[in-house]
Amino acid sequence: MNEQQILEQLIALLAGEGVTIRRDELGGSGGGLCTIQGKPTFFIDTQATSGETAAVAADAVAKTVHIEDVYIRPEIREFIENHENRVM
């Protein structure tokens, strides 16, 4: 599974939890999770690589999704565990 596919799976997990997904040019930082008017929002930096954004998304998933309670493909779960709290 490549980084783009991992990113798509992570975004689907976030969206499934009601997180708003936005795509914007943010200078290549990868994006991130924030709260706007009380609603969680995940920004995808369209100038970042899939790998950078996937790492940030993995941290966001770890913070918003109860990963113990949902089925997550093993390679996605491993990616989350390896990247949790390692965002630059």
PDB file of N, CA and C in Angstrom:
ATOM      1  N   MET A   1       0.858  -1.176   0.000  1.00  0.00           N
ATOM      2  CA  MET A   1       0.000   0.000   0.000  1.00  0.00           C
ATOM      3  C   MET A   1       0.902   1.236   0.000  1.00  0.00           C
ATOM      4  N   ASN A   2       0.652   2.144  -0.948  1.00  0.00           N
ATOM      5  CA  ASN A   2       1.503   3.332  -1.038  1.00  0.00           C
ATOM      6  C   ASN A   2       0.973   4.457  -0.135  1.00  0.00           C
ATOM      7  N   GLU A   3       1.758   5.537  -0.031  1.00  0.00           N
ATOM      8  CA  GLU A   3       1.410   6.631   0.888  1.00  0.00           C
ATOM      9  C   GLU A   3       0.090   7.303   0.524  1.00  0.00           C
ATOM     10  N   GLN A   4      -0.206   7.429  -0.762  1.00  0.00           N
ATOM     11  CA  GLN A   4      -1.466   8.037  -1.185  1.00  0.00           C
ATOM     12  C   GLN A   4      -2.657   7.180  -0.733  1.00  0.00           C
ATOM     13  N   GLN A   5      -2.546   5.870  -0.864  1.00  0.00           N
ATOM     14  CA  GLN A   5      -3.615   4.978  -0.433  1.00  0.00           C
ATOM     15  C   GLN A   5      -3.792   5.032   1.085  1.00  0.00           C
ATOM     16  N   ILE A   6      -2.688   5.095   1.806  1.00  0.00           N
ATOM     17  CA  ILE A   6      -2.751   5.213   3.266  1.00  0.00           C
ATOM     18  C   ILE A   6      -3.440   6.522   3.639  1.00  0.00           C
ATOM     19  N   LEU A   7      -3.052   7.606   2.978  1.00  0.00           N
ATOM     20  CA  LEU A   7      -3.667   8.898   3.249  1.00  0.00           C
ATOM     21  C   LEU A   7      -5.171   8.840   3.011  1.00  0.00           C
ATOM     22  N   GLU A   8      -5.598   8.239   1.917  1.00  0.00           N
ATOM     23  CA  GLU A   8      -7.024   8.140   1.617  1.00  0.00           C
ATOM     24  C   GLU A   8      -7.770   7.380   2.710  1.00  0.00           C
ATOM     25  N   GLN A   9      -7.176   6.313   3.212  1.00  0.00           N
ATOM     26  CA  GLN A   9      -7.801   5.535   4.290  1.00  0.00           C
ATOM     27  C   GLN A   9      -7.894   6.369   5.576  1.00  0.00           C
ATOM     28  N   LEU A  10      -6.840   7.110   5.881  1.00  0.00           N
ATOM     29  CA  LEU A  10      -6.840   7.946   7.086  1.00  0.00           C
ATOM     30  C   LEU A  10      -7.886   9.057   6.982  1.00  0.00           C
ATOM     31  N   ILE A  11      -7.993   9.674   5.814  1.00  0.00           N
ATOM     32  CA  ILE A  11      -8.992  10.720   5.601  1.00  0.00           C
ATOM     33  C   ILE A  11     -10.395  10.136   5.746  1.00  0.00           C
ATOM     34  N   ALA A  12     -10.606   8.937   5.243  1.00  0.00           N
ATOM     35  CA  ALA A  12     -11.912   8.286   5.380  1.00  0.00           C
ATOM     36  C   ALA A  12     -12.247   8.043   6.850  1.00  0.00           C
ATOM     37  N   LEU A  13     -11.261   7.656   7.640  1.00  0.00           N
ATOM     38  CA  LEU A  13     -11.483   7.458   9.077  1.00  0.00           C
ATOM     39  C   LEU A  13     -11.878   8.773   9.751  1.00  0.00           C
ATOM     40  N   LEU A  14     -11.180   9.842   9.410  1.00  0.00           N
ATOM     41  CA  LEU A  14     -11.503  11.148   9.990  1.00  0.00           C
ATOM     42  C   LEU A  14     -12.905  11.592   9.577  1.00  0.00           C
ATOM     43  N   ALA A  15     -13.216  11.473   8.306  1.00  0.00           N
ATOM     44  CA  ALA A  15     -14.532  11.880   7.813  1.00  0.00           C
ATOM     45  C   ALA A  15     -15.631  11.047   8.474  1.00  0.00           C
ATOM     46  N   GLY A  16     -15.358   9.774   8.708  1.00  0.00           N
ATOM     47  CA  GLY A  16     -16.321   8.898   9.369  1.00  0.00           C
ATOM     48  C   GLY A  16     -16.626   9.309  10.799  1.00  0.00           C
ATOM     49  N   GLU A  17     -15.724  10.063  11.395  1.00  0.00           N
ATOM     50  CA  GLU A  17     -15.923  10.579  12.750  1.00  0.00           C
ATOM     51  C   GLU A  17     -16.524  11.977  12.738  1.00  0.00           C
ATOM     52  N   GLY A  18     -16.904  12.458  11.562  1.00  0.00           N
ATOM     53  CA  GLY A  18     -17.526  13.773  11.463  1.00  0.00           C
ATOM     54  C   GLY A  18     -16.554  14.931  11.358  1.00  0.00           C
ATOM     55  N   VAL A  19     -15.287  14.640  11.108  1.00  0.00           N
ATOM     56  CA  VAL A  19     -14.288  15.692  10.943  1.00  0.00           C
ATOM     57  C   VAL A  19     -14.439  16.287   9.536  1.00  0.00           C
ATOM     58  N   THR A  20     -14.511  17.600   9.458  1.00  0.00           N
ATOM     59  CA  THR A  20     -14.562  18.284   8.172  1.00  0.00           C
ATOM     60  C   THR A  20     -13.183  18.218   7.530  1.00  0.00           C
ATOM     61  N   ILE A  21     -13.143  17.891   6.248  1.00  0.00           N
ATOM     62  CA  ILE A  21     -11.877  17.793   5.522  1.00  0.00           C
ATOM     63  C   ILE A  21     -11.797  18.980   4.560  1.00  0.00           C
ATOM     64  N   ARG A  22     -10.696  19.727   4.653  1.00  0.00           N
ATOM     65  CA  ARG A  22     -10.480  20.874   3.753  1.00  0.00           C
ATOM     66  C   ARG A  22      -9.128  20.728   3.073  1.00  0.00           C
ATOM     67  N   ARG A  23      -9.094  21.100   1.823  1.00  0.00           N
ATOM     68  CA  ARG A  23      -7.850  21.072   1.051  1.00  0.00           C
ATOM     69  C   ARG A  23      -7.468  22.501   0.699  1.00  0.00           C
ATOM     70  N   ASP A  24      -6.271  22.915   1.125  1.00  0.00           N
ATOM     71  CA  ASP A  24      -5.794  24.269   0.881  1.00  0.00           C
ATOM     72  C   ASP A  24      -4.286  24.256   0.683  1.00  0.00           C
ATOM     73  N   GLU A  25      -3.774  25.289   0.023  1.00  0.00           N
ATOM     74  CA  GLU A  25      -2.331  25.473  -0.097  1.00  0.00           C
ATOM     75  C   GLU A  25      -1.840  26.075   1.214  1.00  0.00           C
ATOM     76  N   LEU A  26      -0.978  25.338   1.916  1.00  0.00           N
ATOM     77  CA  LEU A  26      -0.503  25.775   3.227  1.00  0.00           C
ATOM     78  C   LEU A  26       1.024  25.842   3.304  1.00  0.00           C
ATOM     79  N   GLY A  27       1.689  25.830   2.176  1.00  0.00           N
ATOM     80  CA  GLY A  27       3.132  25.980   2.184  1.00  0.00           C
ATOM     81  C   GLY A  27       3.930  24.703   2.314  1.00  0.00           C
ATOM     82  N   GLY A  28       3.274  23.557   2.239  1.00  0.00           N
ATOM     83  CA  GLY A  28       4.003  22.294   2.278  1.00  0.00           C
ATOM     84  C   GLY A  28       4.183  21.675   3.645  1.00  0.00           C
ATOM     85  N   SER A  29       3.431  22.131   4.650  1.00  0.00           N
ATOM     86  CA  SER A  29       3.594  21.607   6.011  1.00  0.00           C
ATOM     87  C   SER A  29       2.881  20.286   6.238  1.00  0.00           C
ATOM     88  N   GLY A  30       1.976  19.911   5.355  1.00  0.00           N
ATOM     89  CA  GLY A  30       1.242  18.660   5.518  1.00  0.00           C
ATOM     90  C   GLY A  30      -0.168  18.856   6.011  1.00  0.00           C
ATOM     91  N   GLY A  31      -0.445  19.994   6.626  1.00  0.00           N
ATOM     92  CA  GLY A  31      -1.794  20.262   7.138  1.00  0.00           C
ATOM     93  C   GLY A  31      -1.881  20.012   8.622  1.00  0.00           C
ATOM     94  N   GLY A  32      -3.097  19.748   9.094  1.00  0.00           N
ATOM     95  CA  GLY A  32      -3.265  19.471  10.506  1.00  0.00           C
ATOM     96  C   GLY A  32      -4.705  19.556  10.951  1.00  0.00           C
ATOM     97  N   LEU A  33      -4.909  19.173  12.188  1.00  0.00           N
ATOM     98  CA  LEU A  33      -6.226  19.136  12.815  1.00  0.00           C
ATOM     99  C   LEU A  33      -6.410  20.367  13.684  1.00  0.00           C
ATOM    100  N   CYS A  34      -7.576  20.985  13.584  1.00  0.00           N
ATOM    101  CA  CYS A  34      -7.901  22.106  14.449  1.00  0.00           C
ATOM    102  C   CYS A  34      -9.412  22.111  14.669  1.00  0.00           C
ATOM    103  N   THR A  35      -9.870  23.040  15.493  1.00  0.00           N
ATOM    104  CA  THR A  35     -11.294  23.188  15.752  1.00  0.00           C
ATOM    105  C   THR A  35     -11.722  24.562  15.252  1.00  0.00           C
ATOM    106  N   ILE A  36     -12.761  24.579  14.415  1.00  0.00           N
ATOM    107  CA  ILE A  36     -13.304  25.821  13.891  1.00  0.00           C
ATOM    108  C   ILE A  36     -14.767  25.879  14.294  1.00  0.00           C
ATOM    109  N   GLN A  37     -15.113  26.880  15.076  1.00  0.00           N
ATOM    110  CA  GLN A  37     -16.470  27.060  15.576  1.00  0.00           C
ATOM    111  C   GLN A  37     -16.992  25.776  16.220  1.00  0.00           C
ATOM    112  N   GLY A  38     -16.143  25.155  17.018  1.00  0.00           N
ATOM    113  CA  GLY A  38     -16.518  23.969  17.768  1.00  0.00           C
ATOM    114  C   GLY A  38     -16.539  22.676  16.976  1.00  0.00           C
ATOM    115  N   LYS A  39     -16.164  22.702  15.711  1.00  0.00           N
ATOM    116  CA  LYS A  39     -16.190  21.507  14.871  1.00  0.00           C
ATOM    117  C   LYS A  39     -14.766  21.137  14.455  1.00  0.00           C
ATOM    118  N   PRO A  40     -14.393  19.864  14.639  1.00  0.00           N
ATOM    119  CA  PRO A  40     -13.048  19.454  14.231  1.00  0.00           C
ATOM    120  C   PRO A  40     -12.898  19.529  12.715  1.00  0.00           C
ATOM    121  N   THR A  41     -11.766  20.072  12.295  1.00  0.00           N
ATOM    122  CA  THR A  41     -11.478  20.255  10.878  1.00  0.00           C
ATOM    123  C   THR A  41     -10.055  19.792  10.614  1.00  0.00           C
ATOM    124  N   PHE A  42      -9.882  19.008   9.565  1.00  0.00           N
ATOM    125  CA  PHE A  42      -8.553  18.565   9.180  1.00  0.00           C
ATOM    126  C   PHE A  42      -8.199  19.228   7.858  1.00  0.00           C
ATOM    127  N   PHE A  43      -7.078  19.945   7.855  1.00  0.00           N
ATOM    128  CA  PHE A  43      -6.588  20.608   6.656  1.00  0.00           C
ATOM    129  C   PHE A  43      -5.560  19.718   5.963  1.00  0.00           C
ATOM    130  N   ILE A  44      -5.775  19.512   4.670  1.00  0.00           N
ATOM    131  CA  ILE A  44      -4.810  18.819   3.826  1.00  0.00           C
ATOM    132  C   ILE A  44      -4.055  19.888   3.057  1.00  0.00           C
ATOM    133  N   ASP A  45      -2.757  19.912   3.237  1.00  0.00           N
ATOM    134  CA  ASP A  45      -1.920  20.877   2.526  1.00  0.00           C
ATOM    135  C   ASP A  45      -1.663  20.337   1.126  1.00  0.00           C
ATOM    136  N   THR A  46      -2.235  20.984   0.124  1.00  0.00           N
ATOM    137  CA  THR A  46      -2.097  20.518  -1.252  1.00  0.00           C
ATOM    138  C   THR A  46      -0.676  20.698  -1.796  1.00  0.00           C
ATOM    139  N   GLN A  47       0.170  21.415  -1.062  1.00  0.00           N
ATOM    140  CA  GLN A  47       1.558  21.602  -1.478  1.00  0.00           C
ATOM    141  C   GLN A  47       2.504  20.599  -0.824  1.00  0.00           C
ATOM    142  N   ALA A  48       1.991  19.763   0.069  1.00  0.00           N
ATOM    143  CA  ALA A  48       2.812  18.769   0.763  1.00  0.00           C
ATOM    144  C   ALA A  48       2.740  17.434   0.029  1.00  0.00           C
ATOM    145  N   THR A  49       3.694  16.568   0.320  1.00  0.00           N
ATOM    146  CA  THR A  49       3.667  15.224  -0.252  1.00  0.00           C
ATOM    147  C   THR A  49       2.611  14.384   0.460  1.00  0.00           C
ATOM    148  N   SER A  50       2.222  13.308  -0.172  1.00  0.00           N
ATOM    149  CA  SER A  50       1.264  12.386   0.447  1.00  0.00           C
ATOM    150  C   SER A  50       1.817  11.834   1.758  1.00  0.00           C
ATOM    151  N   GLY A  51       3.104  11.558   1.791  1.00  0.00           N
ATOM    152  CA  GLY A  51       3.727  11.020   2.999  1.00  0.00           C
ATOM    153  C   GLY A  51       3.675  11.990   4.160  1.00  0.00           C
ATOM    154  N   GLU A  52       3.962  13.265   3.876  1.00  0.00           N
ATOM    155  CA  GLU A  52       3.909  14.278   4.943  1.00  0.00           C
ATOM    156  C   GLU A  52       2.485  14.433   5.468  1.00  0.00           C
ATOM    157  N   THR A  53       1.531  14.490   4.561  1.00  0.00           N
ATOM    158  CA  THR A  53       0.145  14.654   4.969  1.00  0.00           C
ATOM    159  C   THR A  53      -0.363  13.410   5.683  1.00  0.00           C
ATOM    160  N   ALA A  54       0.044  12.237   5.236  1.00  0.00           N
ATOM    161  CA  ALA A  54      -0.376  11.000   5.894  1.00  0.00           C
ATOM    162  C   ALA A  54       0.132  10.945   7.328  1.00  0.00           C
ATOM    163  N   ALA A  55       1.356  11.398   7.571  1.00  0.00           N
ATOM    164  CA  ALA A  55       1.895  11.407   8.932  1.00  0.00           C
ATOM    165  C   ALA A  55       1.073  12.318   9.842  1.00  0.00           C
ATOM    166  N   VAL A  56       0.694  13.481   9.340  1.00  0.00           N
ATOM    167  CA  VAL A  56      -0.124  14.415  10.117  1.00  0.00           C
ATOM    168  C   VAL A  56      -1.525  13.830  10.316  1.00  0.00           C
ATOM    169  N   ALA A  57      -2.053  13.193   9.277  1.00  0.00           N
ATOM    170  CA  ALA A  57      -3.376  12.581   9.373  1.00  0.00           C
ATOM    171  C   ALA A  57      -3.383  11.430  10.372  1.00  0.00           C
ATOM    172  N   ALA A  58      -2.305  10.668  10.440  1.00  0.00           N
ATOM    173  CA  ALA A  58      -2.221   9.565  11.402  1.00  0.00           C
ATOM    174  C   ALA A  58      -2.317  10.089  12.826  1.00  0.00           C
ATOM    175  N   ASP A  59      -1.655  11.197  13.097  1.00  0.00           N
ATOM    176  CA  ASP A  59      -1.728  11.803  14.426  1.00  0.00           C
ATOM    177  C   ASP A  59      -3.150  12.290  14.707  1.00  0.00           C
ATOM    178  N   ALA A  60      -3.799  12.869  13.708  1.00  0.00           N
ATOM    179  CA  ALA A  60      -5.171  13.348  13.867  1.00  0.00           C
ATOM    180  C   ALA A  60      -6.121  12.185  14.130  1.00  0.00           C
ATOM    181  N   VAL A  61      -5.933  11.080  13.419  1.00  0.00           N
ATOM    182  CA  VAL A  61      -6.768   9.897  13.644  1.00  0.00           C
ATOM    183  C   VAL A  61      -6.582   9.390  15.067  1.00  0.00           C
ATOM    184  N   ALA A  62      -5.337   9.332  15.515  1.00  0.00           N
ATOM    185  CA  ALA A  62      -5.062   8.856  16.877  1.00  0.00           C
ATOM    186  C   ALA A  62      -5.758   9.718  17.925  1.00  0.00           C
ATOM    187  N   LYS A  63      -5.938  11.010  17.623  1.00  0.00           N
ATOM    188  CA  LYS A  63      -6.565  11.928  18.572  1.00  0.00           C
ATOM    189  C   LYS A  63      -8.088  11.933  18.492  1.00  0.00           C
ATOM    190  N   THR A  64      -8.667  11.529  17.366  1.00  0.00           N
ATOM    191  CA  THR A  64     -10.113  11.678  17.191  1.00  0.00           C
ATOM    192  C   THR A  64     -10.885  10.372  17.052  1.00  0.00           C
ATOM    193  N   VAL A  65     -10.223   9.308  16.651  1.00  0.00           N
ATOM    194  CA  VAL A  65     -10.904   8.039  16.410  1.00  0.00           C
ATOM    195  C   VAL A  65     -10.513   7.052  17.502  1.00  0.00           C
ATOM    196  N   HIS A  66     -11.499   6.371  18.055  1.00  0.00           N
ATOM    197  CA  HIS A  66     -11.210   5.307  19.032  1.00  0.00           C
ATOM    198  C   HIS A  66     -10.807   4.077  18.225  1.00  0.00           C
ATOM    199  N   ILE A  67      -9.515   4.003  17.909  1.00  0.00           N
ATOM    200  CA  ILE A  67      -9.058   2.977  16.972  1.00  0.00           C
ATOM    201  C   ILE A  67      -9.241   1.560  17.511  1.00  0.00           C
ATOM    202  N   GLU A  68      -9.435   1.414  18.805  1.00  0.00           N
ATOM    203  CA  GLU A  68      -9.673   0.091  19.364  1.00  0.00           C
ATOM    204  C   GLU A  68     -11.084  -0.388  19.059  1.00  0.00           C
ATOM    205  N   ASP A  69     -11.989   0.546  18.738  1.00  0.00           N
ATOM    206  CA  ASP A  69     -13.401   0.221  18.560  1.00  0.00           C
ATOM    207  C   ASP A  69     -13.825   0.040  17.111  1.00  0.00           C
ATOM    208  N   VAL A  70     -12.936   0.303  16.168  1.00  0.00           N
ATOM    209  CA  VAL A  70     -13.297   0.181  14.751  1.00  0.00           C
ATOM    210  C   VAL A  70     -12.296  -0.715  14.035  1.00  0.00           C
ATOM    211  N   TYR A  71     -12.781  -1.332  12.967  1.00  0.00           N
ATOM    212  CA  TYR A  71     -11.858  -2.132  12.159  1.00  0.00           C
ATOM    213  C   TYR A  71     -11.010  -1.191  11.310  1.00  0.00           C
ATOM    214  N   ILE A  72      -9.718  -1.388  11.407  1.00  0.00           N
ATOM    215  CA  ILE A  72      -8.761  -0.643  10.592  1.00  0.00           C
ATOM    216  C   ILE A  72      -7.799  -1.675  10.012  1.00  0.00           C
ATOM    217  N   ARG A  73      -7.566  -1.590   8.718  1.00  0.00           N
ATOM    218  CA  ARG A  73      -6.645  -2.531   8.091  1.00  0.00           C
ATOM    219  C   ARG A  73      -5.320  -2.536   8.853  1.00  0.00           C
ATOM    220  N   PRO A  74      -4.723  -3.708   9.002  1.00  0.00           N
ATOM    221  CA  PRO A  74      -3.495  -3.808   9.801  1.00  0.00           C
ATOM    222  C   PRO A  74      -2.395  -2.840   9.389  1.00  0.00           C
ATOM    223  N   GLU A  75      -2.184  -2.641   8.078  1.00  0.00           N
ATOM    224  CA  GLU A  75      -1.121  -1.742   7.647  1.00  0.00           C
ATOM    225  C   GLU A  75      -1.435  -0.284   7.990  1.00  0.00           C
ATOM    226  N   ILE A  76      -2.718   0.072   8.021  1.00  0.00           N
ATOM    227  CA  ILE A  76      -3.117   1.426   8.406  1.00  0.00           C
ATOM    228  C   ILE A  76      -2.935   1.605   9.903  1.00  0.00           C
ATOM    229  N   ARG A  77      -3.356   0.610  10.669  1.00  0.00           N
ATOM    230  CA  ARG A  77      -3.184   0.663  12.129  1.00  0.00           C
ATOM    231  C   ARG A  77      -1.710   0.795  12.490  1.00  0.00           C
ATOM    232  N   GLU A  78      -0.860   0.038  11.826  1.00  0.00           N
ATOM    233  CA  GLU A  78       0.583   0.106  12.085  1.00  0.00           C
ATOM    234  C   GLU A  78       1.126   1.494  11.741  1.00  0.00           C
ATOM    235  N   PHE A  79       0.671   2.064  10.624  1.00  0.00           N
ATOM    236  CA  PHE A  79       1.098   3.401  10.232  1.00  0.00           C
ATOM    237  C   PHE A  79       0.707   4.416  11.299  1.00  0.00           C
ATOM    238  N   ILE A  80      -0.518   4.316  11.802  1.00  0.00           N
ATOM    239  CA  ILE A  80      -0.983   5.231  12.858  1.00  0.00           C
ATOM    240  C   ILE A  80      -0.105   5.105  14.089  1.00  0.00           C
ATOM    241  N   GLU A  81       0.115   3.887  14.517  1.00  0.00           N
ATOM    242  CA  GLU A  81       0.920   3.660  15.724  1.00  0.00           C
ATOM    243  C   GLU A  81       2.355   4.150  15.544  1.00  0.00           C
ATOM    244  N   ASN A  82       2.904   4.022  14.353  1.00  0.00           N
ATOM    245  CA  ASN A  82       4.280   4.451  14.096  1.00  0.00           C
ATOM    246  C   ASN A  82       4.423   5.959  13.982  1.00  0.00           C
ATOM    247  N   HIS A  83       3.337   6.667  13.655  1.00  0.00           N
ATOM    248  CA  HIS A  83       3.413   8.101  13.433  1.00  0.00           C
ATOM    249  C   HIS A  83       2.731   8.933  14.503  1.00  0.00           C
ATOM    250  N   GLU A  84       2.044   8.296  15.414  1.00  0.00           N
ATOM    251  CA  GLU A  84       1.338   9.038  16.463  1.00  0.00           C
ATOM    252  C   GLU A  84       2.319   9.910  17.244  1.00  0.00           C
ATOM    253  N   ASN A  85       1.983  11.187  17.362  1.00  0.00           N
ATOM    254  CA  ASN A  85       2.773  12.172  18.121  1.00  0.00           C
ATOM    255  C   ASN A  85       4.178  12.400  17.565  1.00  0.00           C
ATOM    256  N   ARG A  86       4.422  12.072  16.307  1.00  0.00           N
ATOM    257  CA  ARG A  86       5.746  12.299  15.713  1.00  0.00           C
ATOM    258  C   ARG A  86       5.713  13.407  14.684  1.00  0.00           C
ATOM    259  N   VAL A  87       4.653  14.185  14.695  1.00  0.00           N
ATOM    260  CA  VAL A  87       4.526  15.265  13.727  1.00  0.00           C
ATOM    261  C   VAL A  87       5.528  16.350  14.064  1.00  0.00           C
ATOM    262  N   MET A  88       6.155  16.891  13.028  1.00  0.00           N
ATOM    263  CA  MET A  88       7.205  17.899  13.214  1.00  0.00           C
ATOM    264  C   MET A  88       6.699  19.131  13.885  1.00  0.00           C
TER     265      MET A  88
END
